[in-house]
Amino acid sequence: MIIKVHGDILLSDAQAIAHGVAPHDHFNQGLALALRERHPAMAKDFRHYCHQENPKPGHAWLWAGPERVIINLMTQEPAPDNKAHPGKATAHNVSHALKELHSILDKEDISSIALPKLATGVWRSRMERRRAAD
């Protein structure tokens, strides 16, 4: 069941929070920044994971801290270099990351998740093209 809610996702009672990032993301804006500030160990562990595994866009990575489970969905393309911003999210990456999210939720027996809108620019452009075609 999906329940649409409004408000601060960080105040959610859900077992986990999932959000979109890029491989090797610096977590320096938006929800990622807020999560990094509240859970600095998560950002540190994510950097370590990325250096060890070099994940590709479309993957998902679970971090379980003492207070919260966070699932990082790699919906965006990685930054071309260490000083650049990550690339845009793609529908392909979002689709694959959501499939991995589903597998993680089943495997970890997570029954509730807070998930913000993902890749709104990608989906908005698709919807605009559909409306223009109608």
N, C-alpha and C. Protein backbone atom coordinates (compact mmCIF):
# COMPACT_ATOMS: atom_id res chain seq x y z
N MET A 1 0.84 -1.16 0.00
CA MET A 1 0.00 0.00 0.00
C MET A 1 0.90 1.24 0.00
N ILE A 2 0.52 2.23 -0.77
CA ILE A 2 1.25 3.50 -0.83
C ILE A 2 0.39 4.56 -0.18
N ILE A 3 1.01 5.30 0.74
CA ILE A 3 0.33 6.41 1.41
C ILE A 3 1.14 7.66 1.10
N LYS A 4 0.51 8.63 0.44
CA LYS A 4 1.18 9.87 0.09
C LYS A 4 1.06 10.84 1.28
N VAL A 5 2.20 11.34 1.73
CA VAL A 5 2.22 12.27 2.86
C VAL A 5 3.07 13.48 2.49
N HIS A 6 2.91 14.52 3.27
CA HIS A 6 3.69 15.74 3.09
C HIS A 6 4.42 16.04 4.39
N GLY A 7 5.50 16.76 4.30
CA GLY A 7 6.23 17.15 5.50
C GLY A 7 7.68 16.72 5.44
N ASP A 8 8.33 16.81 6.57
CA ASP A 8 9.76 16.52 6.68
C ASP A 8 9.97 15.01 6.71
N ILE A 9 10.60 14.50 5.69
CA ILE A 9 10.82 13.05 5.58
C ILE A 9 11.69 12.54 6.74
N LEU A 10 12.52 13.40 7.30
CA LEU A 10 13.39 12.99 8.40
C LEU A 10 12.61 12.71 9.68
N LEU A 11 11.37 13.18 9.74
CA LEU A 11 10.52 12.94 10.91
C LEU A 11 9.61 11.72 10.73
N SER A 12 9.78 11.02 9.64
CA SER A 12 8.95 9.87 9.33
C SER A 12 9.15 8.75 10.35
N ASP A 13 8.07 8.02 10.61
CA ASP A 13 8.14 6.84 11.47
C ASP A 13 8.47 5.57 10.68
N ALA A 14 8.70 5.71 9.38
CA ALA A 14 9.01 4.55 8.54
C ALA A 14 10.29 3.87 9.02
N GLN A 15 10.39 2.57 8.77
CA GLN A 15 11.58 1.81 9.16
C GLN A 15 12.82 2.28 8.42
N ALA A 16 12.64 2.77 7.20
CA ALA A 16 13.78 3.17 6.38
C ALA A 16 13.44 4.43 5.59
N ILE A 17 14.48 5.15 5.21
CA ILE A 17 14.37 6.27 4.28
C ILE A 17 15.21 5.89 3.06
N ALA A 18 14.64 6.05 1.89
CA ALA A 18 15.39 5.86 0.65
C ALA A 18 15.44 7.20 -0.07
N HIS A 19 16.53 7.43 -0.77
CA HIS A 19 16.65 8.69 -1.52
C HIS A 19 17.61 8.48 -2.68
N GLY A 20 17.53 9.36 -3.67
CA GLY A 20 18.36 9.26 -4.85
C GLY A 20 19.67 9.99 -4.70
N VAL A 21 20.75 9.34 -5.13
CA VAL A 21 22.09 9.92 -5.12
C VAL A 21 22.81 9.45 -6.39
N ALA A 22 24.06 9.85 -6.49
CA ALA A 22 24.94 9.37 -7.57
C ALA A 22 26.03 8.51 -6.96
N PRO A 23 26.58 7.58 -7.71
CA PRO A 23 27.76 6.88 -7.21
C PRO A 23 28.84 7.93 -6.85
N HIS A 24 29.52 7.73 -5.75
CA HIS A 24 30.57 8.64 -5.26
C HIS A 24 30.01 10.02 -4.90
N ASP A 25 28.73 10.11 -4.58
CA ASP A 25 28.09 11.39 -4.23
C ASP A 25 28.74 11.96 -2.98
N HIS A 26 28.79 13.29 -2.91
CA HIS A 26 29.36 13.98 -1.75
C HIS A 26 28.29 14.33 -0.71
N PHE A 27 27.03 14.08 -1.00
CA PHE A 27 25.93 14.38 -0.07
C PHE A 27 25.98 15.85 0.36
N ASN A 28 26.08 16.75 -0.60
CA ASN A 28 26.25 18.16 -0.25
C ASN A 28 25.06 19.05 -0.60
N GLN A 29 23.90 18.45 -0.87
CA GLN A 29 22.72 19.29 -1.09
C GLN A 29 21.44 18.50 -0.81
N GLY A 30 20.40 19.22 -0.49
CA GLY A 30 19.07 18.63 -0.31
C GLY A 30 18.98 17.60 0.80
N LEU A 31 18.18 16.58 0.56
CA LEU A 31 17.97 15.53 1.55
C LEU A 31 19.28 14.80 1.86
N ALA A 32 20.12 14.60 0.86
CA ALA A 32 21.40 13.92 1.09
C ALA A 32 22.24 14.68 2.12
N LEU A 33 22.26 15.99 2.02
CA LEU A 33 23.01 16.81 2.98
C LEU A 33 22.40 16.68 4.38
N ALA A 34 21.09 16.73 4.48
CA ALA A 34 20.43 16.59 5.79
C ALA A 34 20.73 15.22 6.39
N LEU A 35 20.74 14.19 5.57
CA LEU A 35 21.06 12.85 6.07
C LEU A 35 22.53 12.76 6.49
N ARG A 36 23.41 13.37 5.72
CA ARG A 36 24.84 13.37 6.08
C ARG A 36 25.07 14.08 7.40
N GLU A 37 24.35 15.19 7.61
CA GLU A 37 24.51 15.94 8.86
C GLU A 37 23.99 15.15 10.05
N ARG A 38 22.91 14.41 9.88
CA ARG A 38 22.35 13.61 10.97
C ARG A 38 23.06 12.28 11.17
N HIS A 39 23.61 11.76 10.09
CA HIS A 39 24.25 10.43 10.12
C HIS A 39 25.60 10.49 9.40
N PRO A 40 26.58 11.18 9.99
CA PRO A 40 27.87 11.31 9.30
C PRO A 40 28.54 9.96 9.02
N ALA A 41 28.29 8.97 9.85
CA ALA A 41 28.87 7.64 9.61
C ALA A 41 28.33 7.04 8.32
N MET A 42 27.08 7.34 7.97
CA MET A 42 26.50 6.82 6.73
C MET A 42 27.27 7.38 5.53
N ALA A 43 27.53 8.68 5.52
CA ALA A 43 28.26 9.28 4.40
C ALA A 43 29.68 8.71 4.32
N LYS A 44 30.31 8.54 5.46
CA LYS A 44 31.66 7.97 5.49
C LYS A 44 31.64 6.53 4.96
N ASP A 45 30.68 5.74 5.41
CA ASP A 45 30.58 4.35 4.96
C ASP A 45 30.24 4.28 3.47
N PHE A 46 29.43 5.22 2.99
CA PHE A 46 29.09 5.25 1.56
C PHE A 46 30.34 5.53 0.72
N ARG A 47 31.15 6.49 1.16
CA ARG A 47 32.39 6.78 0.44
C ARG A 47 33.29 5.54 0.40
N HIS A 48 33.40 4.87 1.54
CA HIS A 48 34.22 3.66 1.60
C HIS A 48 33.66 2.58 0.66
N TYR A 49 32.35 2.38 0.69
CA TYR A 49 31.70 1.42 -0.20
C TYR A 49 32.00 1.76 -1.66
N CYS A 50 31.87 3.03 -2.03
CA CYS A 50 32.10 3.44 -3.41
C CYS A 50 33.54 3.21 -3.83
N HIS A 51 34.48 3.50 -2.94
CA HIS A 51 35.89 3.28 -3.28
C HIS A 51 36.20 1.79 -3.43
N GLN A 52 35.55 0.95 -2.62
CA GLN A 52 35.78 -0.49 -2.68
C GLN A 52 35.08 -1.15 -3.88
N GLU A 53 33.84 -0.77 -4.11
CA GLU A 53 33.00 -1.47 -5.08
C GLU A 53 32.80 -0.73 -6.41
N ASN A 54 33.04 0.58 -6.42
CA ASN A 54 32.82 1.41 -7.61
C ASN A 54 31.46 1.11 -8.25
N PRO A 55 30.37 1.33 -7.49
CA PRO A 55 29.04 0.97 -8.00
C PRO A 55 28.65 1.80 -9.21
N LYS A 56 27.81 1.22 -10.02
CA LYS A 56 27.31 1.89 -11.22
C LYS A 56 25.93 2.47 -10.92
N PRO A 57 25.51 3.47 -11.69
CA PRO A 57 24.15 3.99 -11.53
C PRO A 57 23.14 2.85 -11.71
N GLY A 58 22.06 2.93 -10.95
CA GLY A 58 21.02 1.91 -11.01
C GLY A 58 21.09 0.94 -9.85
N HIS A 59 22.12 1.05 -9.03
CA HIS A 59 22.25 0.17 -7.87
C HIS A 59 21.66 0.85 -6.64
N ALA A 60 21.51 0.08 -5.58
CA ALA A 60 21.04 0.58 -4.30
C ALA A 60 21.95 0.04 -3.21
N TRP A 61 22.15 0.84 -2.17
CA TRP A 61 23.04 0.45 -1.07
C TRP A 61 22.35 0.78 0.25
N LEU A 62 22.27 -0.21 1.12
CA LEU A 62 21.61 -0.05 2.42
C LEU A 62 22.64 0.25 3.50
N TRP A 63 22.31 1.21 4.34
CA TRP A 63 23.11 1.51 5.52
C TRP A 63 22.18 1.43 6.73
N ALA A 64 22.58 0.67 7.73
CA ALA A 64 21.76 0.52 8.94
C ALA A 64 22.53 1.13 10.10
N GLY A 65 22.02 2.25 10.59
CA GLY A 65 22.62 2.90 11.75
C GLY A 65 21.84 2.57 13.00
N PRO A 66 22.28 3.12 14.13
CA PRO A 66 21.59 2.84 15.39
C PRO A 66 20.17 3.40 15.46
N GLU A 67 19.90 4.47 14.69
CA GLU A 67 18.58 5.10 14.75
C GLU A 67 17.75 4.90 13.50
N ARG A 68 18.40 4.59 12.38
CA ARG A 68 17.69 4.66 11.11
C ARG A 68 18.35 3.75 10.08
N VAL A 69 17.54 3.24 9.18
CA VAL A 69 18.03 2.53 8.00
C VAL A 69 17.88 3.50 6.83
N ILE A 70 18.95 3.67 6.07
CA ILE A 70 18.93 4.56 4.91
C ILE A 70 19.35 3.75 3.68
N ILE A 71 18.56 3.87 2.63
CA ILE A 71 18.86 3.17 1.39
C ILE A 71 19.16 4.22 0.33
N ASN A 72 20.38 4.18 -0.16
CA ASN A 72 20.83 5.13 -1.18
C ASN A 72 20.58 4.52 -2.55
N LEU A 73 19.72 5.16 -3.31
CA LEU A 73 19.38 4.71 -4.66
C LEU A 73 20.22 5.50 -5.65
N MET A 74 21.06 4.83 -6.37
CA MET A 74 21.95 5.53 -7.30
C MET A 74 21.23 5.78 -8.62
N THR A 75 20.43 6.84 -8.58
CA THR A 75 19.59 7.21 -9.72
C THR A 75 20.30 8.16 -10.68
N GLN A 76 21.34 8.82 -10.22
CA GLN A 76 22.04 9.81 -11.03
C GLN A 76 23.32 9.23 -11.61
N GLU A 77 23.77 9.85 -12.68
CA GLU A 77 25.07 9.51 -13.24
C GLU A 77 26.15 10.11 -12.34
N PRO A 78 27.30 9.46 -12.22
CA PRO A 78 28.36 10.01 -11.37
C PRO A 78 28.92 11.30 -11.95
N ALA A 79 29.52 12.11 -11.09
CA ALA A 79 30.19 13.32 -11.54
C ALA A 79 31.38 12.93 -12.42
N PRO A 80 31.68 13.73 -13.44
CA PRO A 80 32.80 13.38 -14.31
C PRO A 80 34.16 13.46 -13.62
N ASP A 81 34.24 14.28 -12.57
CA ASP A 81 35.47 14.34 -11.77
C ASP A 81 35.10 14.73 -10.35
N ASN A 82 36.09 14.75 -9.47
CA ASN A 82 35.84 14.95 -8.04
C ASN A 82 35.28 16.33 -7.70
N LYS A 83 35.49 17.31 -8.55
CA LYS A 83 35.05 18.68 -8.27
C LYS A 83 33.73 19.04 -8.96
N ALA A 84 33.25 18.17 -9.83
CA ALA A 84 32.04 18.45 -10.59
C ALA A 84 30.80 17.94 -9.87
N HIS A 85 29.65 18.44 -10.31
CA HIS A 85 28.36 17.98 -9.79
C HIS A 85 27.99 16.65 -10.45
N PRO A 86 27.24 15.81 -9.74
CA PRO A 86 26.77 14.57 -10.36
C PRO A 86 25.90 14.87 -11.58
N GLY A 87 25.80 13.89 -12.45
CA GLY A 87 24.94 14.03 -13.61
C GLY A 87 23.48 13.90 -13.23
N LYS A 88 22.64 13.98 -14.22
CA LYS A 88 21.20 13.88 -13.99
C LYS A 88 20.78 12.43 -13.80
N ALA A 89 19.65 12.28 -13.16
CA ALA A 89 19.04 10.96 -13.04
C ALA A 89 18.44 10.56 -14.38
N THR A 90 18.40 9.29 -14.62
CA THR A 90 17.76 8.80 -15.85
C THR A 90 16.66 7.81 -15.48
N ALA A 91 15.71 7.66 -16.36
CA ALA A 91 14.62 6.70 -16.12
C ALA A 91 15.18 5.29 -15.99
N HIS A 92 16.19 4.96 -16.78
CA HIS A 92 16.82 3.63 -16.71
C HIS A 92 17.42 3.40 -15.32
N ASN A 93 18.17 4.37 -14.82
CA ASN A 93 18.80 4.23 -13.50
C ASN A 93 17.76 4.13 -12.39
N VAL A 94 16.72 4.94 -12.49
CA VAL A 94 15.66 4.92 -11.47
C VAL A 94 14.98 3.55 -11.47
N SER A 95 14.67 3.04 -12.64
CA SER A 95 14.00 1.74 -12.74
C SER A 95 14.85 0.64 -12.11
N HIS A 96 16.12 0.61 -12.43
CA HIS A 96 17.00 -0.43 -11.87
C HIS A 96 17.18 -0.26 -10.36
N ALA A 97 17.33 0.99 -9.91
CA ALA A 97 17.50 1.23 -8.47
C ALA A 97 16.24 0.82 -7.71
N LEU A 98 15.07 1.07 -8.27
CA LEU A 98 13.83 0.68 -7.60
C LEU A 98 13.67 -0.84 -7.54
N LYS A 99 14.14 -1.53 -8.56
CA LYS A 99 14.13 -3.01 -8.51
C LYS A 99 15.05 -3.50 -7.40
N GLU A 100 16.22 -2.90 -7.27
CA GLU A 100 17.11 -3.29 -6.18
C GLU A 100 16.51 -2.93 -4.83
N LEU A 101 15.83 -1.78 -4.76
CA LEU A 101 15.16 -1.39 -3.52
C LEU A 101 14.14 -2.47 -3.13
N HIS A 102 13.36 -2.93 -4.07
CA HIS A 102 12.37 -3.98 -3.80
C HIS A 102 13.05 -5.21 -3.23
N SER A 103 14.15 -5.62 -3.82
CA SER A 103 14.89 -6.80 -3.32
C SER A 103 15.41 -6.58 -1.90
N ILE A 104 15.92 -5.38 -1.64
CA ILE A 104 16.43 -5.06 -0.30
C ILE A 104 15.30 -5.10 0.73
N LEU A 105 14.16 -4.52 0.38
CA LEU A 105 13.03 -4.49 1.31
C LEU A 105 12.58 -5.91 1.65
N ASP A 106 12.54 -6.78 0.66
CA ASP A 106 12.17 -8.18 0.91
C ASP A 106 13.22 -8.89 1.76
N LYS A 107 14.46 -8.76 1.38
CA LYS A 107 15.55 -9.46 2.07
C LYS A 107 15.68 -9.03 3.52
N GLU A 108 15.54 -7.73 3.77
CA GLU A 108 15.72 -7.17 5.12
C GLU A 108 14.42 -7.12 5.91
N ASP A 109 13.32 -7.57 5.30
CA ASP A 109 12.00 -7.58 5.94
C ASP A 109 11.60 -6.18 6.43
N ILE A 110 11.81 -5.19 5.57
CA ILE A 110 11.43 -3.80 5.87
C ILE A 110 10.02 -3.60 5.35
N SER A 111 9.12 -3.21 6.24
CA SER A 111 7.71 -3.12 5.85
C SER A 111 7.24 -1.69 5.59
N SER A 112 8.05 -0.69 5.96
CA SER A 112 7.65 0.69 5.68
C SER A 112 8.89 1.50 5.28
N ILE A 113 8.68 2.36 4.30
CA ILE A 113 9.78 3.17 3.78
C ILE A 113 9.28 4.56 3.43
N ALA A 114 10.07 5.54 3.75
CA ALA A 114 9.79 6.92 3.35
C ALA A 114 10.63 7.19 2.11
N LEU A 115 9.98 7.63 1.06
CA LEU A 115 10.64 7.82 -0.22
C LEU A 115 10.19 9.14 -0.84
N PRO A 116 11.12 10.07 -1.06
CA PRO A 116 10.72 11.32 -1.70
C PRO A 116 10.52 11.10 -3.20
N LYS A 117 10.03 12.11 -3.87
CA LYS A 117 9.95 12.02 -5.33
C LYS A 117 11.36 11.85 -5.86
N LEU A 118 11.51 10.97 -6.82
CA LEU A 118 12.82 10.70 -7.43
C LEU A 118 12.86 11.25 -8.85
N ALA A 119 13.99 11.82 -9.20
CA ALA A 119 14.26 12.22 -10.59
C ALA A 119 13.08 12.98 -11.19
N THR A 120 12.58 13.96 -10.50
CA THR A 120 11.38 14.66 -10.97
C THR A 120 11.58 15.29 -12.34
N GLY A 121 12.78 15.71 -12.66
CA GLY A 121 13.03 16.27 -13.99
C GLY A 121 12.87 15.23 -15.08
N VAL A 122 13.31 14.01 -14.84
CA VAL A 122 13.20 12.93 -15.82
C VAL A 122 11.74 12.63 -16.10
N TRP A 123 10.98 12.42 -15.06
CA TRP A 123 9.58 12.04 -15.22
C TRP A 123 8.75 13.20 -15.76
N ARG A 124 9.05 14.41 -15.32
CA ARG A 124 8.30 15.57 -15.79
C ARG A 124 8.48 15.71 -17.30
N SER A 125 9.70 15.56 -17.79
CA SER A 125 9.93 15.71 -19.22
C SER A 125 9.17 14.63 -20.00
N ARG A 126 9.10 13.41 -19.47
CA ARG A 126 8.34 12.35 -20.14
C ARG A 126 6.85 12.70 -20.17
N MET A 127 6.33 13.21 -19.07
CA MET A 127 4.92 13.57 -19.01
C MET A 127 4.62 14.73 -19.96
N GLU A 128 5.52 15.70 -20.03
CA GLU A 128 5.32 16.83 -20.94
C GLU A 128 5.30 16.35 -22.38
N ARG A 129 6.18 15.39 -22.73
CA ARG A 129 6.19 14.87 -24.10
C ARG A 129 4.90 14.12 -24.39
N ARG A 130 4.38 13.37 -23.41
CA ARG A 130 3.11 12.65 -23.60
C ARG A 130 1.97 13.62 -23.82
N ARG A 131 1.93 14.67 -23.00
CA ARG A 131 0.85 15.66 -23.13
C ARG A 131 0.92 16.35 -24.47
N ALA A 132 2.13 16.66 -24.93
CA ALA A 132 2.29 17.33 -26.22
C ALA A 132 1.85 16.44 -27.37
N ALA A 133 2.02 15.13 -27.21
CA ALA A 133 1.64 14.17 -28.25
C ALA A 133 0.13 13.97 -28.31
N ASP A 134 -0.56 14.20 -27.19
CA ASP A 134 -2.02 13.99 -27.13
C ASP A 134 -2.80 15.06 -27.87
